[in-house]
Amino acid sequence: MIIVLKPEATEAQIKHIVTKVKSIGLKPMISRGAERTIIGVIGEEDLLRVQPLEVFPGVEKVMPVLAPYKLVSREFKPADTIIEVNGVKIGGKKVAVLAGPCAIENFELLLSIARSVKKAGASVLRGGAFKPRTSPYSFQGLGEEGLKFLAEAKKRTGLPVITELMDLRDLELIERHADIIQIGARNMQNFDLLKEVGRSKKPVLLKRGMAATIKEWLLSAEYILQNGNFNVILCERGIRTFETEARYTLDINAVPLIKSLSHLPIVVDPSHSSGRWGLVPAIAKAAVAAGADGIIVEVHAKPEEALCDGPQSMLPEKFAKLMVELRKVARAVGREI
């Protein structure tokens, strides 16, 4: 249920409503917009039948939320959410570009890639310290050492950094070193993990599971918002279909669908969806044209020697060329990079 307040509603009136909602046994979530403040009420709405909130001072109207997800819905917040990370905005007119190696292998290589992607126009540095791999014998990442390398690269380049969280036990460690916490496709429905990052103050990038529906994806995001963290970025990274020529199938429909259903920003991962660096430019341009708020691209100086996902990693010079092309597409659809 959504309580829409009048523009002139006072803080005392808002506090009074919040107190009443809590006394009934429900959870109020306040969202303050430029013109309006709304209160989302989480819990069994039948409890409100005995106390009509429409009569409270400051209340303009009360509306039910029909979607199974509440806080992530457009009904709860009609305006787009814009997430700011160290001066970088994700959402809004500017398209954010997150780039870097799939896995952090050593500091010199990471720093070299970080400098090259920043020069090309990337706004966030990506890099995995903990790597979820299908085979237990594949490179699993450098762990804490990799996080320290990432933090040092941030210090030297000024780029905010994003890295993946796989285990609850590593949350505090990653919070110390990273600016954005990534929840990978394999953990999209790890609900205990989602609840914990919901209690974090760090922005969260939530990747769509490889066989998840839009509804399931948004309900996973709901776990994070319900626990207090509204700084969630959705990431379409391809889903598993019958097609075998590409690693996954990018669901370009997801971009406009998410835009219609949710206020959260959405980015697209052309690297994981294709598994082939040669397909990345076309997919990235399609994502920007479709309205994505950002793309996340894997870049490696020596992809033939990469310890993880070399075939889908772009050379720095190829990435720089892609950025030039993306700017043209962004301008064509009224955006910028």
C-alpha atoms as a PDB file:
ATOM      1  CA  MET A   1       0.000   0.000   0.000  1.00  0.00           C
ATOM      2  CA  ILE A   2       1.186   3.524  -0.790  1.00  0.00           C
ATOM      3  CA  ILE A   3       0.310   6.612   1.235  1.00  0.00           C
ATOM      4  CA  VAL A   4       0.675   9.727  -0.919  1.00  0.00           C
ATOM      5  CA  LEU A   5       1.140  12.857   1.183  1.00  0.00           C
ATOM      6  CA  LYS A   6       0.049  16.371   0.322  1.00  0.00           C
ATOM      7  CA  PRO A   7       2.822  18.736  -0.827  1.00  0.00           C
ATOM      8  CA  GLU A   8       2.378  20.787   2.339  1.00  0.00           C
ATOM      9  CA  ALA A   9       2.524  17.784   4.716  1.00  0.00           C
ATOM     10  CA  THR A  10       4.640  18.591   7.776  1.00  0.00           C
ATOM     11  CA  GLU A  11       7.308  16.456   9.415  1.00  0.00           C
ATOM     12  CA  ALA A  12       5.065  16.115  12.464  1.00  0.00           C
ATOM     13  CA  GLN A  13       2.253  14.725  10.308  1.00  0.00           C
ATOM     14  CA  ILE A  14       4.625  12.298   8.609  1.00  0.00           C
ATOM     15  CA  LYS A  15       5.946  11.128  11.987  1.00  0.00           C
ATOM     16  CA  HIS A  16       2.381  10.654  13.237  1.00  0.00           C
ATOM     17  CA  ILE A  17       1.508   8.420  10.267  1.00  0.00           C
ATOM     18  CA  VAL A  18       4.717   6.403  10.617  1.00  0.00           C
ATOM     19  CA  THR A  19       4.077   5.853  14.310  1.00  0.00           C
ATOM     20  CA  LYS A  20       0.524   4.666  13.626  1.00  0.00           C
ATOM     21  CA  VAL A  21       1.625   2.264  10.870  1.00  0.00           C
ATOM     22  CA  LYS A  22       4.241   0.742  13.166  1.00  0.00           C
ATOM     23  CA  SER A  23       1.726   0.384  16.012  1.00  0.00           C
ATOM     24  CA  ILE A  24      -0.485  -1.746  13.749  1.00  0.00           C
ATOM     25  CA  GLY A  25       2.434  -4.097  13.121  1.00  0.00           C
ATOM     26  CA  LEU A  26       3.368  -2.902   9.616  1.00  0.00           C
ATOM     27  CA  LYS A  27       6.627  -1.499   8.236  1.00  0.00           C
ATOM     28  CA  PRO A  28       6.660   2.055   6.812  1.00  0.00           C
ATOM     29  CA  MET A  29       9.230   3.016   4.142  1.00  0.00           C
ATOM     30  CA  ILE A  30       9.538   6.736   3.383  1.00  0.00           C
ATOM     31  CA  SER A  31      10.492   7.979  -0.093  1.00  0.00           C
ATOM     32  CA  ARG A  32      11.036  11.717  -0.482  1.00  0.00           C
ATOM     33  CA  GLY A  33      10.711  13.128  -4.000  1.00  0.00           C
ATOM     34  CA  ALA A  34      11.223  16.628  -5.355  1.00  0.00           C
ATOM     35  CA  GLU A  35       7.532  17.462  -4.992  1.00  0.00           C
ATOM     36  CA  ARG A  36       5.973  14.690  -2.919  1.00  0.00           C
ATOM     37  CA  THR A  37       6.711  12.399  -0.039  1.00  0.00           C
ATOM     38  CA  ILE A  38       5.206   8.934  -0.130  1.00  0.00           C
ATOM     39  CA  ILE A  39       5.144   6.180   2.460  1.00  0.00           C
ATOM     40  CA  GLY A  40       5.175   2.567   1.376  1.00  0.00           C
ATOM     41  CA  VAL A  41       3.524   0.209   3.839  1.00  0.00           C
ATOM     42  CA  ILE A  42       4.892  -3.325   3.933  1.00  0.00           C
ATOM     43  CA  GLY A  43       2.905  -6.165   5.472  1.00  0.00           C
ATOM     44  CA  GLU A  44      -0.651  -7.450   5.634  1.00  0.00           C
ATOM     45  CA  GLU A  45      -2.758  -4.619   4.270  1.00  0.00           C
ATOM     46  CA  ASP A  46      -5.958  -5.966   5.834  1.00  0.00           C
ATOM     47  CA  LEU A  47      -4.642  -4.649   9.150  1.00  0.00           C
ATOM     48  CA  LEU A  48      -5.231  -1.125   7.823  1.00  0.00           C
ATOM     49  CA  ARG A  49      -8.918  -1.718   7.197  1.00  0.00           C
ATOM     50  CA  VAL A  50      -9.698  -0.935  10.864  1.00  0.00           C
ATOM     51  CA  GLN A  51      -7.843   2.381  10.649  1.00  0.00           C
ATOM     52  CA  PRO A  52      -8.427   4.288   7.389  1.00  0.00           C
ATOM     53  CA  LEU A  53      -5.306   6.357   6.801  1.00  0.00           C
ATOM     54  CA  GLU A  54      -7.076   8.675   4.366  1.00  0.00           C
ATOM     55  CA  VAL A  55      -8.427  10.659   7.337  1.00  0.00           C
ATOM     56  CA  PHE A  56      -4.986  11.450   8.784  1.00  0.00           C
ATOM     57  CA  PRO A  57      -3.743  15.057   8.450  1.00  0.00           C
ATOM     58  CA  GLY A  58      -1.321  15.448   5.552  1.00  0.00           C
ATOM     59  CA  VAL A  59      -2.601  12.438   3.586  1.00  0.00           C
ATOM     60  CA  GLU A  60      -3.793  13.061   0.038  1.00  0.00           C
ATOM     61  CA  LYS A  61      -4.675   9.490  -0.948  1.00  0.00           C
ATOM     62  CA  VAL A  62      -3.971   5.849  -0.181  1.00  0.00           C
ATOM     63  CA  MET A  63      -3.458   3.365  -3.015  1.00  0.00           C
ATOM     64  CA  PRO A  64      -2.948  -0.405  -3.098  1.00  0.00           C
ATOM     65  CA  VAL A  65       0.113  -1.750  -4.933  1.00  0.00           C
ATOM     66  CA  LEU A  66      -1.081  -4.389  -7.370  1.00  0.00           C
ATOM     67  CA  ALA A  67       2.346  -5.752  -8.341  1.00  0.00           C
ATOM     68  CA  PRO A  68       3.785  -8.584  -6.204  1.00  0.00           C
ATOM     69  CA  TYR A  69       6.890  -6.425  -5.711  1.00  0.00           C
ATOM     70  CA  LYS A  70       6.103  -3.225  -3.833  1.00  0.00           C
ATOM     71  CA  LEU A  71       9.083  -0.979  -3.166  1.00  0.00           C
ATOM     72  CA  VAL A  72      10.764  -1.497  -6.535  1.00  0.00           C
ATOM     73  CA  SER A  73       7.576  -0.737  -8.462  1.00  0.00           C
ATOM     74  CA  ARG A  74       6.691   2.393 -10.423  1.00  0.00           C
ATOM     75  CA  GLU A  75       3.531   2.547  -8.329  1.00  0.00           C
ATOM     76  CA  PHE A  76       5.618   3.127  -5.220  1.00  0.00           C
ATOM     77  CA  LYS A  77       7.964   5.627  -6.884  1.00  0.00           C
ATOM     78  CA  PRO A  78       6.969   7.079 -10.265  1.00  0.00           C
ATOM     79  CA  ALA A  79      10.234   9.022 -10.712  1.00  0.00           C
ATOM     80  CA  ASP A  80      13.465   7.310 -11.784  1.00  0.00           C
ATOM     81  CA  THR A  81      15.951   6.484  -9.046  1.00  0.00           C
ATOM     82  CA  ILE A  82      19.378   8.006  -9.638  1.00  0.00           C
ATOM     83  CA  ILE A  83      22.225   6.498  -7.635  1.00  0.00           C
ATOM     84  CA  GLU A  84      25.321   8.585  -6.994  1.00  0.00           C
ATOM     85  CA  VAL A  85      28.644   6.908  -6.226  1.00  0.00           C
ATOM     86  CA  ASN A  86      31.597   9.212  -5.575  1.00  0.00           C
ATOM     87  CA  GLY A  87      30.250  11.772  -8.020  1.00  0.00           C
ATOM     88  CA  VAL A  88      29.236   9.192 -10.648  1.00  0.00           C
ATOM     89  CA  LYS A  89      25.502   9.028 -11.342  1.00  0.00           C
ATOM     90  CA  ILE A  90      23.822   5.813 -12.458  1.00  0.00           C
ATOM     91  CA  GLY A  91      20.421   6.660 -13.849  1.00  0.00           C
ATOM     92  CA  GLY A  92      19.284   9.923 -15.416  1.00  0.00           C
ATOM     93  CA  LYS A  93      20.525  11.391 -18.682  1.00  0.00           C
ATOM     94  CA  LYS A  94      24.118  10.168 -18.564  1.00  0.00           C
ATOM     95  CA  VAL A  95      24.896   6.541 -19.406  1.00  0.00           C
ATOM     96  CA  ALA A  96      27.415   5.063 -16.951  1.00  0.00           C
ATOM     97  CA  VAL A  97      30.165   2.771 -18.209  1.00  0.00           C
ATOM     98  CA  LEU A  98      31.649   0.196 -15.825  1.00  0.00           C
ATOM     99  CA  ALA A  99      34.763  -1.486 -17.208  1.00  0.00           C
ATOM    100  CA  GLY A 100      37.737  -3.571 -16.168  1.00  0.00           C
ATOM    101  CA  PRO A 101      39.009  -7.147 -15.984  1.00  0.00           C
ATOM    102  CA  CYS A 102      36.794 -10.076 -15.116  1.00  0.00           C
ATOM    103  CA  ALA A 103      39.241 -11.107 -12.408  1.00  0.00           C
ATOM    104  CA  ILE A 104      42.000  -9.214 -10.640  1.00  0.00           C
ATOM    105  CA  GLU A 105      45.222 -11.103 -11.433  1.00  0.00           C
ATOM    106  CA  ASN A 106      47.982  -8.740 -10.280  1.00  0.00           C
ATOM    107  CA  PHE A 107      48.259  -5.070  -9.385  1.00  0.00           C
ATOM    108  CA  GLU A 108      50.328  -3.863 -12.347  1.00  0.00           C
ATOM    109  CA  LEU A 109      47.891  -5.323 -14.865  1.00  0.00           C
ATOM    110  CA  LEU A 110      44.857  -3.980 -12.967  1.00  0.00           C
ATOM    111  CA  LEU A 111      46.306  -0.473 -12.745  1.00  0.00           C
ATOM    112  CA  SER A 112      47.195  -0.472 -16.442  1.00  0.00           C
ATOM    113  CA  ILE A 113      43.645  -1.490 -17.395  1.00  0.00           C
ATOM    114  CA  ALA A 114      42.133   1.020 -14.947  1.00  0.00           C
ATOM    115  CA  ARG A 115      44.101   3.887 -16.478  1.00  0.00           C
ATOM    116  CA  SER A 116      43.204   2.877 -20.017  1.00  0.00           C
ATOM    117  CA  VAL A 117      39.459   2.544 -19.373  1.00  0.00           C
ATOM    118  CA  LYS A 118      39.397   5.859 -17.513  1.00  0.00           C
ATOM    119  CA  LYS A 119      41.156   7.571 -20.422  1.00  0.00           C
ATOM    120  CA  ALA A 120      38.534   6.125 -22.782  1.00  0.00           C
ATOM    121  CA  GLY A 121      35.713   7.515 -20.630  1.00  0.00           C
ATOM    122  CA  ALA A 122      34.689   4.750 -18.225  1.00  0.00           C
ATOM    123  CA  SER A 123      33.223   6.008 -14.969  1.00  0.00           C
ATOM    124  CA  VAL A 124      33.559   2.907 -12.721  1.00  0.00           C
ATOM    125  CA  LEU A 125      36.279   0.246 -12.457  1.00  0.00           C
ATOM    126  CA  ARG A 126      35.095  -3.365 -12.254  1.00  0.00           C
ATOM    127  CA  GLY A 127      37.209  -6.281 -11.058  1.00  0.00           C
ATOM    128  CA  GLY A 128      36.553  -9.600  -9.362  1.00  0.00           C
ATOM    129  CA  ALA A 129      38.437 -10.594  -6.207  1.00  0.00           C
ATOM    130  CA  PHE A 130      36.193 -13.590  -5.485  1.00  0.00           C
ATOM    131  CA  LYS A 131      35.201 -15.494  -8.624  1.00  0.00           C
ATOM    132  CA  PRO A 132      32.296 -17.982  -8.819  1.00  0.00           C
ATOM    133  CA  ARG A 133      33.455 -20.615 -11.318  1.00  0.00           C
ATOM    134  CA  THR A 134      31.663 -23.643 -12.714  1.00  0.00           C
ATOM    135  CA  SER A 135      34.739 -25.809 -12.201  1.00  0.00           C
ATOM    136  CA  PRO A 136      36.363 -26.005  -8.753  1.00  0.00           C
ATOM    137  CA  TYR A 137      39.731 -26.225 -10.530  1.00  0.00           C
ATOM    138  CA  SER A 138      39.388 -22.858 -12.280  1.00  0.00           C
ATOM    139  CA  PHE A 139      40.950 -19.663 -10.922  1.00  0.00           C
ATOM    140  CA  GLN A 140      38.849 -18.513  -7.958  1.00  0.00           C
ATOM    141  CA  GLY A 141      40.301 -15.019  -7.525  1.00  0.00           C
ATOM    142  CA  LEU A 142      42.879 -13.443  -5.205  1.00  0.00           C
ATOM    143  CA  GLY A 143      40.435 -12.770  -2.388  1.00  0.00           C
ATOM    144  CA  GLU A 144      41.423 -10.071   0.103  1.00  0.00           C
ATOM    145  CA  GLU A 145      44.655  -9.337  -1.750  1.00  0.00           C
ATOM    146  CA  GLY A 146      42.623  -8.583  -4.874  1.00  0.00           C
ATOM    147  CA  LEU A 147      40.397  -6.195  -2.924  1.00  0.00           C
ATOM    148  CA  LYS A 148      43.459  -4.305  -1.700  1.00  0.00           C
ATOM    149  CA  PHE A 149      44.698  -4.035  -5.297  1.00  0.00           C
ATOM    150  CA  LEU A 150      41.293  -2.699  -6.315  1.00  0.00           C
ATOM    151  CA  ALA A 151      41.318  -0.099  -3.535  1.00  0.00           C
ATOM    152  CA  GLU A 152      44.808   1.047  -4.533  1.00  0.00           C
ATOM    153  CA  ALA A 153      43.774   1.330  -8.185  1.00  0.00           C
ATOM    154  CA  LYS A 154      40.865   3.511  -7.054  1.00  0.00           C
ATOM    155  CA  LYS A 155      43.251   5.680  -5.054  1.00  0.00           C
ATOM    156  CA  ARG A 156      45.523   6.208  -8.063  1.00  0.00           C
ATOM    157  CA  THR A 157      42.870   6.743 -10.733  1.00  0.00           C
ATOM    158  CA  GLY A 158      39.938   8.222  -8.813  1.00  0.00           C
ATOM    159  CA  LEU A 159      37.544   5.658 -10.301  1.00  0.00           C
ATOM    160  CA  PRO A 160      34.961   4.208  -7.886  1.00  0.00           C
ATOM    161  CA  VAL A 161      35.094   0.407  -7.871  1.00  0.00           C
ATOM    162  CA  ILE A 162      32.651  -2.489  -8.032  1.00  0.00           C
ATOM    163  CA  THR A 163      33.322  -6.102  -7.083  1.00  0.00           C
ATOM    164  CA  GLU A 164      31.293  -9.231  -6.448  1.00  0.00           C
ATOM    165  CA  LEU A 165      30.173 -10.529  -3.057  1.00  0.00           C
ATOM    166  CA  MET A 166      29.644 -14.294  -2.868  1.00  0.00           C
ATOM    167  CA  ASP A 167      29.753 -15.090   0.840  1.00  0.00           C
ATOM    168  CA  LEU A 168      28.105 -13.348   3.798  1.00  0.00           C
ATOM    169  CA  ARG A 169      31.354 -13.701   5.714  1.00  0.00           C
ATOM    170  CA  ASP A 170      33.083 -11.373   3.232  1.00  0.00           C
ATOM    171  CA  LEU A 171      30.550  -8.538   3.370  1.00  0.00           C
ATOM    172  CA  GLU A 172      32.388  -6.371   5.891  1.00  0.00           C
ATOM    173  CA  LEU A 173      35.662  -6.875   4.021  1.00  0.00           C
ATOM    174  CA  ILE A 174      34.155  -5.847   0.670  1.00  0.00           C
ATOM    175  CA  GLU A 175      32.386  -2.867   2.246  1.00  0.00           C
ATOM    176  CA  ARG A 176      35.801  -1.570   3.350  1.00  0.00           C
ATOM    177  CA  HIS A 177      37.305  -1.697  -0.147  1.00  0.00           C
ATOM    178  CA  ALA A 178      34.497  -1.352  -2.716  1.00  0.00           C
ATOM    179  CA  ASP A 179      32.028   1.394  -3.605  1.00  0.00           C
ATOM    180  CA  ILE A 180      29.406  -0.875  -5.212  1.00  0.00           C
ATOM    181  CA  ILE A 181      28.627  -4.457  -4.201  1.00  0.00           C
ATOM    182  CA  GLN A 182      27.809  -6.815  -7.048  1.00  0.00           C
ATOM    183  CA  ILE A 183      25.493  -9.773  -6.520  1.00  0.00           C
ATOM    184  CA  GLY A 184      26.115 -12.234  -9.332  1.00  0.00           C
ATOM    185  CA  ALA A 185      23.614 -14.231 -11.362  1.00  0.00           C
ATOM    186  CA  ARG A 186      24.210 -17.388  -9.332  1.00  0.00           C
ATOM    187  CA  ASN A 187      23.296 -15.563  -6.117  1.00  0.00           C
ATOM    188  CA  MET A 188      20.262 -13.648  -7.386  1.00  0.00           C
ATOM    189  CA  GLN A 189      18.008 -15.779  -5.196  1.00  0.00           C
ATOM    190  CA  ASN A 190      20.386 -16.179  -2.261  1.00  0.00           C
ATOM    191  CA  PHE A 191      17.869 -14.457  -0.023  1.00  0.00           C
ATOM    192  CA  ASP A 192      20.019 -14.361   3.123  1.00  0.00           C
ATOM    193  CA  LEU A 193      22.722 -12.587   1.121  1.00  0.00           C
ATOM    194  CA  LEU A 194      20.168 -10.149  -0.312  1.00  0.00           C
ATOM    195  CA  LYS A 195      18.849  -9.322   3.161  1.00  0.00           C
ATOM    196  CA  GLU A 196      22.343  -8.554   4.423  1.00  0.00           C
ATOM    197  CA  VAL A 197      23.278  -6.236   1.553  1.00  0.00           C
ATOM    198  CA  GLY A 198      19.884  -4.642   2.161  1.00  0.00           C
ATOM    199  CA  ARG A 199      21.208  -3.610   5.561  1.00  0.00           C
ATOM    200  CA  SER A 200      24.380  -2.241   3.987  1.00  0.00           C
ATOM    201  CA  LYS A 201      24.778   1.404   3.028  1.00  0.00           C
ATOM    202  CA  LYS A 202      26.651   0.515  -0.168  1.00  0.00           C
ATOM    203  CA  PRO A 203      24.899   0.561  -3.560  1.00  0.00           C
ATOM    204  CA  VAL A 204      24.162  -2.936  -4.899  1.00  0.00           C
ATOM    205  CA  LEU A 205      24.268  -4.145  -8.497  1.00  0.00           C
ATOM    206  CA  LEU A 206      21.948  -7.142  -8.803  1.00  0.00           C
ATOM    207  CA  LYS A 207      22.501  -9.356 -11.833  1.00  0.00           C
ATOM    208  CA  ARG A 208      19.604 -11.298 -13.304  1.00  0.00           C
ATOM    209  CA  GLY A 209      19.812 -15.045 -12.794  1.00  0.00           C
ATOM    210  CA  MET A 210      20.565 -17.084 -15.894  1.00  0.00           C
ATOM    211  CA  ALA A 211      17.070 -18.645 -15.835  1.00  0.00           C
ATOM    212  CA  ALA A 212      15.140 -15.974 -13.915  1.00  0.00           C
ATOM    213  CA  THR A 213      11.990 -14.223 -15.054  1.00  0.00           C
ATOM    214  CA  ILE A 214      11.610 -10.446 -14.808  1.00  0.00           C
ATOM    215  CA  LYS A 215       9.197 -10.946 -11.923  1.00  0.00           C
ATOM    216  CA  GLU A 216      11.616 -13.168  -9.990  1.00  0.00           C
ATOM    217  CA  TRP A 217      14.417 -10.667 -10.585  1.00  0.00           C
ATOM    218  CA  LEU A 218      12.368  -7.752  -9.275  1.00  0.00           C
ATOM    219  CA  LEU A 219      11.246  -9.768  -6.246  1.00  0.00           C
ATOM    220  CA  SER A 220      14.915 -10.423  -5.464  1.00  0.00           C
ATOM    221  CA  ALA A 221      15.547  -6.675  -5.616  1.00  0.00           C
ATOM    222  CA  GLU A 222      12.585  -6.236  -3.273  1.00  0.00           C
ATOM    223  CA  TYR A 223      14.461  -8.182  -0.572  1.00  0.00           C
ATOM    224  CA  ILE A 224      17.218  -5.559  -0.678  1.00  0.00           C
ATOM    225  CA  LEU A 225      14.894  -2.550  -0.582  1.00  0.00           C
ATOM    226  CA  GLN A 226      12.712  -4.082   2.109  1.00  0.00           C
ATOM    227  CA  ASN A 227      15.736  -4.203   4.380  1.00  0.00           C
ATOM    228  CA  GLY A 228      16.434  -0.503   3.932  1.00  0.00           C
ATOM    229  CA  ASN A 229      18.827  -0.183   0.983  1.00  0.00           C
ATOM    230  CA  PHE A 230      17.163   1.674  -1.901  1.00  0.00           C
ATOM    231  CA  ASN A 231      20.400   2.051  -3.873  1.00  0.00           C
ATOM    232  CA  VAL A 232      19.922  -0.934  -6.173  1.00  0.00           C
ATOM    233  CA  ILE A 233      21.054  -1.203  -9.801  1.00  0.00           C
ATOM    234  CA  LEU A 234      19.615  -3.995 -11.922  1.00  0.00           C
ATOM    235  CA  CYS A 235      21.861  -5.744 -14.460  1.00  0.00           C
ATOM    236  CA  GLU A 236      20.651  -7.743 -17.469  1.00  0.00           C
ATOM    237  CA  ARG A 237      23.440 -10.189 -18.339  1.00  0.00           C
ATOM    238  CA  GLY A 238      21.745 -12.690 -20.619  1.00  0.00           C
ATOM    239  CA  ILE A 239      19.593 -15.721 -19.881  1.00  0.00           C
ATOM    240  CA  ARG A 240      19.979 -19.377 -20.785  1.00  0.00           C
ATOM    241  CA  THR A 241      17.999 -20.453 -23.860  1.00  0.00           C
ATOM    242  CA  PHE A 242      18.280 -23.225 -26.458  1.00  0.00           C
ATOM    243  CA  GLU A 243      20.790 -21.125 -28.462  1.00  0.00           C
ATOM    244  CA  THR A 244      24.407 -22.350 -28.307  1.00  0.00           C
ATOM    245  CA  GLU A 245      26.279 -19.947 -30.612  1.00  0.00           C
ATOM    246  CA  ALA A 246      26.541 -17.326 -27.866  1.00  0.00           C
ATOM    247  CA  ARG A 247      27.213 -17.909 -24.183  1.00  0.00           C
ATOM    248  CA  TYR A 248      23.755 -16.649 -23.187  1.00  0.00           C
ATOM    249  CA  THR A 249      20.920 -14.805 -24.900  1.00  0.00           C
ATOM    250  CA  LEU A 250      20.696 -11.113 -24.095  1.00  0.00           C
ATOM    251  CA  ASP A 251      17.100 -10.181 -23.295  1.00  0.00           C
ATOM    252  CA  ILE A 252      16.965  -6.674 -24.769  1.00  0.00           C
ATOM    253  CA  ASN A 253      13.239  -6.632 -23.884  1.00  0.00           C
ATOM    254  CA  ALA A 254      14.308  -6.438 -20.247  1.00  0.00           C
ATOM    255  CA  VAL A 255      15.501  -2.853 -20.607  1.00  0.00           C
ATOM    256  CA  PRO A 256      12.192  -1.189 -21.603  1.00  0.00           C
ATOM    257  CA  LEU A 257      10.228  -3.669 -19.487  1.00  0.00           C
ATOM    258  CA  ILE A 258      12.171  -2.773 -16.356  1.00  0.00           C
ATOM    259  CA  LYS A 259      11.807   0.910 -17.196  1.00  0.00           C
ATOM    260  CA  SER A 260       8.015   0.496 -17.290  1.00  0.00           C
ATOM    261  CA  LEU A 261       7.749  -1.672 -14.170  1.00  0.00           C
ATOM    262  CA  SER A 262      10.388  -0.235 -11.838  1.00  0.00           C
ATOM    263  CA  HIS A 263      12.059   3.037 -10.902  1.00  0.00           C
ATOM    264  CA  LEU A 264      15.448   1.328 -10.435  1.00  0.00           C
ATOM    265  CA  PRO A 265      18.243   1.960 -12.964  1.00  0.00           C
ATOM    266  CA  ILE A 266      19.218  -0.885 -15.281  1.00  0.00           C
ATOM    267  CA  VAL A 267      22.583  -1.648 -16.876  1.00  0.00           C
ATOM    268  CA  VAL A 268      23.453  -4.291 -19.455  1.00  0.00           C
ATOM    269  CA  ASP A 269      26.397  -6.725 -19.488  1.00  0.00           C
ATOM    270  CA  PRO A 270      27.281  -7.427 -23.143  1.00  0.00           C
ATOM    271  CA  SER A 271      30.400  -9.394 -22.175  1.00  0.00           C
ATOM    272  CA  HIS A 272      28.739 -12.201 -20.217  1.00  0.00           C
ATOM    273  CA  SER A 273      25.696 -12.350 -22.442  1.00  0.00           C
ATOM    274  CA  SER A 274      27.746 -13.006 -25.587  1.00  0.00           C
ATOM    275  CA  GLY A 275      30.900 -14.682 -24.311  1.00  0.00           C
ATOM    276  CA  ARG A 276      32.670 -13.259 -27.398  1.00  0.00           C
ATOM    277  CA  TRP A 277      34.383  -9.877 -27.463  1.00  0.00           C
ATOM    278  CA  GLY A 278      33.531  -9.365 -31.128  1.00  0.00           C
ATOM    279  CA  LEU A 279      29.817  -9.277 -30.294  1.00  0.00           C
ATOM    280  CA  VAL A 280      30.204  -6.808 -27.431  1.00  0.00           C
ATOM    281  CA  PRO A 281      30.137  -3.551 -29.476  1.00  0.00           C
ATOM    282  CA  ALA A 282      26.846  -4.322 -31.237  1.00  0.00           C
ATOM    283  CA  ILE A 283      25.169  -5.482 -28.025  1.00  0.00           C
ATOM    284  CA  ALA A 284      26.430  -2.474 -26.059  1.00  0.00           C
ATOM    285  CA  LYS A 285      25.113  -0.059 -28.692  1.00  0.00           C
ATOM    286  CA  ALA A 286      21.757  -1.868 -28.738  1.00  0.00           C
ATOM    287  CA  ALA A 287      21.548  -1.559 -24.942  1.00  0.00           C
ATOM    288  CA  VAL A 288      22.130   2.198 -25.015  1.00  0.00           C
ATOM    289  CA  ALA A 289      19.605   2.609 -27.847  1.00  0.00           C
ATOM    290  CA  ALA A 290      17.043   0.598 -25.845  1.00  0.00           C
ATOM    291  CA  GLY A 291      17.387   2.956 -22.871  1.00  0.00           C
ATOM    292  CA  ALA A 292      19.883   1.247 -20.552  1.00  0.00           C
ATOM    293  CA  ASP A 293      21.361   3.455 -17.845  1.00  0.00           C
ATOM    294  CA  GLY A 294      24.782   1.872 -18.234  1.00  0.00           C
ATOM    295  CA  ILE A 295      26.865  -0.992 -19.533  1.00  0.00           C
ATOM    296  CA  ILE A 296      29.415  -3.171 -17.769  1.00  0.00           C
ATOM    297  CA  VAL A 297      32.229  -4.381 -20.025  1.00  0.00           C
ATOM    298  CA  GLU A 298      35.206  -6.661 -19.486  1.00  0.00           C
ATOM    299  CA  VAL A 299      38.551  -5.254 -20.632  1.00  0.00           C
ATOM    300  CA  HIS A 300      41.934  -7.004 -20.509  1.00  0.00           C
ATOM    301  CA  ALA A 301      45.338  -5.994 -21.880  1.00  0.00           C
ATOM    302  CA  LYS A 302      46.256  -9.613 -22.672  1.00  0.00           C
ATOM    303  CA  PRO A 303      43.000 -11.560 -23.070  1.00  0.00           C
ATOM    304  CA  GLU A 304      44.815 -14.590 -24.478  1.00  0.00           C
ATOM    305  CA  GLU A 305      46.556 -14.928 -21.098  1.00  0.00           C
ATOM    306  CA  ALA A 306      43.571 -13.994 -18.902  1.00  0.00           C
ATOM    307  CA  LEU A 307      42.847 -16.349 -16.017  1.00  0.00           C
ATOM    308  CA  CYS A 308      39.101 -15.793 -16.419  1.00  0.00           C
ATOM    309  CA  ASP A 309      36.828 -15.098 -19.416  1.00  0.00           C
ATOM    310  CA  GLY A 310      39.540 -14.075 -21.872  1.00  0.00           C
ATOM    311  CA  PRO A 311      37.416 -14.739 -25.002  1.00  0.00           C
ATOM    312  CA  GLN A 312      34.846 -12.091 -23.978  1.00  0.00           C
ATOM    313  CA  SER A 313      37.345  -9.436 -22.856  1.00  0.00           C
ATOM    314  CA  MET A 314      38.056  -6.436 -25.075  1.00  0.00           C
ATOM    315  CA  LEU A 315      41.516  -5.026 -25.670  1.00  0.00           C
ATOM    316  CA  PRO A 316      41.889  -1.476 -24.297  1.00  0.00           C
ATOM    317  CA  GLU A 317      42.170   0.008 -27.796  1.00  0.00           C
ATOM    318  CA  LYS A 318      39.023  -1.837 -28.916  1.00  0.00           C
ATOM    319  CA  PHE A 319      37.214  -0.550 -25.831  1.00  0.00           C
ATOM    320  CA  ALA A 320      38.318   3.024 -26.588  1.00  0.00           C
ATOM    321  CA  LYS A 321      36.888   2.696 -30.104  1.00  0.00           C
ATOM    322  CA  LEU A 322      33.630   1.340 -28.678  1.00  0.00           C
ATOM    323  CA  MET A 323      33.319   4.369 -26.399  1.00  0.00           C
ATOM    324  CA  VAL A 324      33.513   6.689 -29.408  1.00  0.00           C
ATOM    325  CA  GLU A 325      30.708   4.744 -31.102  1.00  0.00           C
ATOM    326  CA  LEU A 326      28.599   4.624 -27.941  1.00  0.00           C
ATOM    327  CA  ARG A 327      28.694   8.399 -27.625  1.00  0.00           C
ATOM    328  CA  LYS A 328      27.120   8.699 -31.077  1.00  0.00           C
ATOM    329  CA  VAL A 329      24.323   6.287 -30.147  1.00  0.00           C
ATOM    330  CA  ALA A 330      23.746   8.053 -26.830  1.00  0.00           C
ATOM    331  CA  ARG A 331      23.397  11.436 -28.551  1.00  0.00           C
ATOM    332  CA  ALA A 332      20.941   9.947 -31.040  1.00  0.00           C
ATOM    333  CA  VAL A 333      18.583   8.911 -28.215  1.00  0.00           C
ATOM    334  CA  GLY A 334      18.990  12.061 -26.120  1.00  0.00           C
ATOM    335  CA  ARG A 335      21.556  10.668 -23.698  1.00  0.00           C
ATOM    336  CA  GLU A 336      25.267  11.249 -23.130  1.00  0.00           C
ATOM    337  CA  ILE A 337      28.334   9.278 -22.047  1.00  0.00           C
END
